[in-house]
Protein backbone atom coordinates (compact mmCIF):
# COMPACT_ATOMS: atom_id res chain seq x y z
CA UNK A 1 -125.06 -39.44 90.02
CA UNK A 2 -122.50 -36.60 89.67
CA UNK A 3 -119.20 -36.69 87.93
CA UNK A 4 -117.23 -36.97 91.02
CA UNK A 5 -119.05 -40.10 92.31
CA UNK A 6 -118.69 -41.61 88.80
CA UNK A 7 -114.88 -40.96 88.96
CA UNK A 8 -114.55 -42.33 92.59
CA UNK A 9 -116.45 -45.49 91.42
CA UNK A 10 -114.18 -46.01 88.58
CA UNK A 11 -111.13 -45.43 90.67
CA UNK A 12 -112.37 -47.85 93.23
CA UNK A 13 -112.96 -50.43 90.61
CA UNK A 14 -109.54 -49.90 89.02
CA UNK A 15 -107.76 -50.24 92.47
CA UNK A 16 -109.95 -53.41 93.24
CA UNK A 17 -108.91 -54.85 89.87
CA UNK A 18 -105.20 -54.00 90.34
CA UNK A 19 -105.19 -55.44 93.78
CA UNK A 20 -106.79 -58.70 92.63
CA UNK A 21 -104.14 -58.87 89.69
CA UNK A 22 -101.38 -58.25 92.21
CA UNK A 23 -102.80 -61.00 94.53
CA UNK A 24 -102.93 -63.38 91.62
CA UNK A 25 -99.58 -62.64 90.48
CA UNK A 26 -98.14 -63.17 93.93
CA UNK A 27 -99.67 -66.65 94.00
CA UNK A 28 -98.12 -67.41 90.71
CA UNK A 29 -94.63 -66.43 91.79
CA UNK A 30 -94.69 -67.84 95.04
CA UNK A 31 -92.12 -70.67 95.26
CA UNK A 32 -93.15 -74.10 96.36
CA UNK A 33 -91.54 -77.09 98.04
CA UNK A 34 -94.61 -79.26 97.29
CA UNK A 35 -92.42 -81.61 94.97
CA UNK A 36 -90.29 -82.60 98.01
CA UNK A 37 -90.62 -86.38 98.53
CA UNK A 38 -91.75 -86.95 94.97
CA UNK A 39 -89.88 -89.37 92.61
CA UNK A 40 -90.92 -89.58 89.00
CA UNK A 41 -89.86 -91.97 86.21
CA UNK A 42 -90.47 -90.74 82.66
CA UNK A 43 -89.54 -91.28 79.06
CA UNK A 44 -89.07 -88.63 76.52
CA UNK A 45 -90.31 -88.78 72.88
CA UNK A 46 -86.59 -89.16 71.93
CA UNK A 47 -86.51 -92.59 73.90
CA UNK A 48 -84.29 -91.27 76.66
CA UNK A 49 -85.70 -92.32 80.18
CA UNK A 50 -84.93 -90.82 83.52
CA UNK A 51 -85.79 -90.85 87.32
CA UNK A 52 -85.94 -87.61 89.07
CA UNK A 53 -86.36 -87.12 92.86
CA UNK A 54 -87.07 -83.87 94.61
CA UNK A 55 -85.93 -83.71 98.20
CA UNK A 56 -85.11 -80.65 100.60
CA UNK A 57 -81.47 -81.18 99.70
CA UNK A 58 -82.28 -80.71 95.98
CA UNK A 59 -83.23 -82.53 92.87
CA UNK A 60 -81.34 -85.71 91.84
CA UNK A 61 -81.80 -87.79 88.62
CA UNK A 62 -80.51 -90.78 86.87
CA UNK A 63 -80.37 -91.23 83.27
CA UNK A 64 -82.03 -94.82 82.93
CA UNK A 65 -81.13 -95.29 79.17
CA UNK A 66 -77.53 -94.12 79.55
CA UNK A 67 -74.40 -95.94 80.29
CA UNK A 68 -74.71 -95.77 84.20
CA UNK A 69 -78.38 -96.23 84.79
CA UNK A 70 -77.68 -96.80 88.59
CA UNK A 71 -75.90 -93.50 89.18
CA UNK A 72 -77.67 -90.67 90.55
CA UNK A 73 -76.51 -87.12 89.68
CA UNK A 74 -77.22 -84.38 92.35
CA UNK A 75 -78.63 -83.28 94.50
CA UNK A 76 -78.71 -79.90 92.93
CA UNK A 77 -80.54 -76.96 94.48
CA UNK A 78 -83.85 -76.34 92.68
CA UNK A 79 -86.78 -74.00 92.55
CA UNK A 80 -90.34 -74.68 91.75
CA UNK A 81 -93.62 -72.98 91.11
CA UNK A 82 -97.04 -74.77 91.18
CA UNK A 83 -98.64 -72.98 88.19
CA UNK A 84 -101.93 -75.00 88.40
CA UNK A 85 -103.24 -77.70 90.98
CA UNK A 86 -100.68 -80.49 90.69
CA UNK A 87 -98.79 -78.68 87.66
CA UNK A 88 -95.28 -77.75 88.54
CA UNK A 89 -92.57 -75.81 86.94
CA UNK A 90 -89.09 -76.85 88.27
CA UNK A 91 -85.69 -75.63 87.47
CA UNK A 92 -82.21 -76.00 88.44
CA UNK A 93 -78.47 -75.37 87.38
CA UNK A 94 -75.85 -78.05 87.61
CA UNK A 95 -72.83 -76.41 89.08
CA UNK A 96 -69.62 -77.87 87.51
CA UNK A 97 -71.64 -79.32 84.51
CA UNK A 98 -72.89 -76.09 82.99
CA UNK A 99 -76.47 -77.63 82.65
CA UNK A 100 -79.48 -75.50 82.95
CA UNK A 101 -82.62 -77.63 83.21
CA UNK A 102 -86.50 -76.60 83.33
CA UNK A 103 -89.19 -79.23 83.64
CA UNK A 104 -93.00 -78.61 83.48
CA UNK A 105 -94.40 -81.46 85.34
CA UNK A 106 -98.18 -82.15 84.96
CA UNK A 107 -99.15 -84.72 87.63
CA UNK A 108 -102.85 -84.61 86.37
CA UNK A 109 -102.22 -86.13 83.02
CA UNK A 110 -98.87 -87.75 83.41
CA UNK A 111 -97.05 -85.53 80.96
CA UNK A 112 -93.71 -83.88 81.39
CA UNK A 113 -91.90 -81.30 79.20
CA UNK A 114 -88.23 -80.74 79.55
CA UNK A 115 -86.02 -77.83 78.31
CA UNK A 116 -82.38 -77.73 79.06
CA UNK A 117 -79.05 -76.26 77.79
CA UNK A 118 -76.50 -78.90 78.37
CA UNK A 119 -72.93 -77.94 78.90
CA UNK A 120 -73.80 -74.49 77.90
CA UNK A 121 -74.26 -75.29 74.21
CA UNK A 122 -76.58 -78.40 73.38
CA UNK A 123 -80.44 -77.72 73.51
CA UNK A 124 -82.61 -80.30 74.80
CA UNK A 125 -86.55 -79.72 74.29
CA UNK A 126 -88.78 -82.82 74.40
CA UNK A 127 -92.08 -84.07 75.81
CA UNK A 128 -92.21 -87.03 77.90
CA UNK A 129 -94.79 -89.42 79.24
CA UNK A 130 -94.64 -89.92 83.03
CA UNK A 131 -94.47 -93.76 83.70
CA UNK A 132 -94.59 -93.77 87.52
CA UNK A 133 -94.94 -91.29 90.48
CA UNK A 134 -94.35 -91.89 94.02
CA UNK A 135 -94.69 -89.43 96.94
CA UNK A 136 -93.39 -89.96 100.37
CA UNK A 137 -95.29 -89.22 103.46
CA UNK A 138 -93.20 -86.16 103.87
CA UNK A 139 -94.35 -84.60 100.64
CA UNK A 140 -96.29 -81.42 101.27
């Protein structure tokens, strides 16, 4: 094999690997609506418990261990990625409240991780056990 063929082969392998990496990255950054129709009840290690529901209109939640457990907050527009099969990263901003919330939801092992900046100043960073999951027929 001459040097030109070797260089062409190396270049072809490089381009092939770059295209595969770009394709994989595109899959990772493609936003999903697969959580729509999903309602989750969970309790953080801190003892705080919530219901969260994902719908086309946005994400809504209620603070079950708070002073008004029947009150739903939202809906707030949300974004989500499916980072693995049945593992989602979802995030939203609560306009008017200053809360930035990110959840890592693992429906395979019923664990949830929450990170939030509340009122633009308090940091929330806890793990939670998912108690119940329900999915409507309209969930993707």
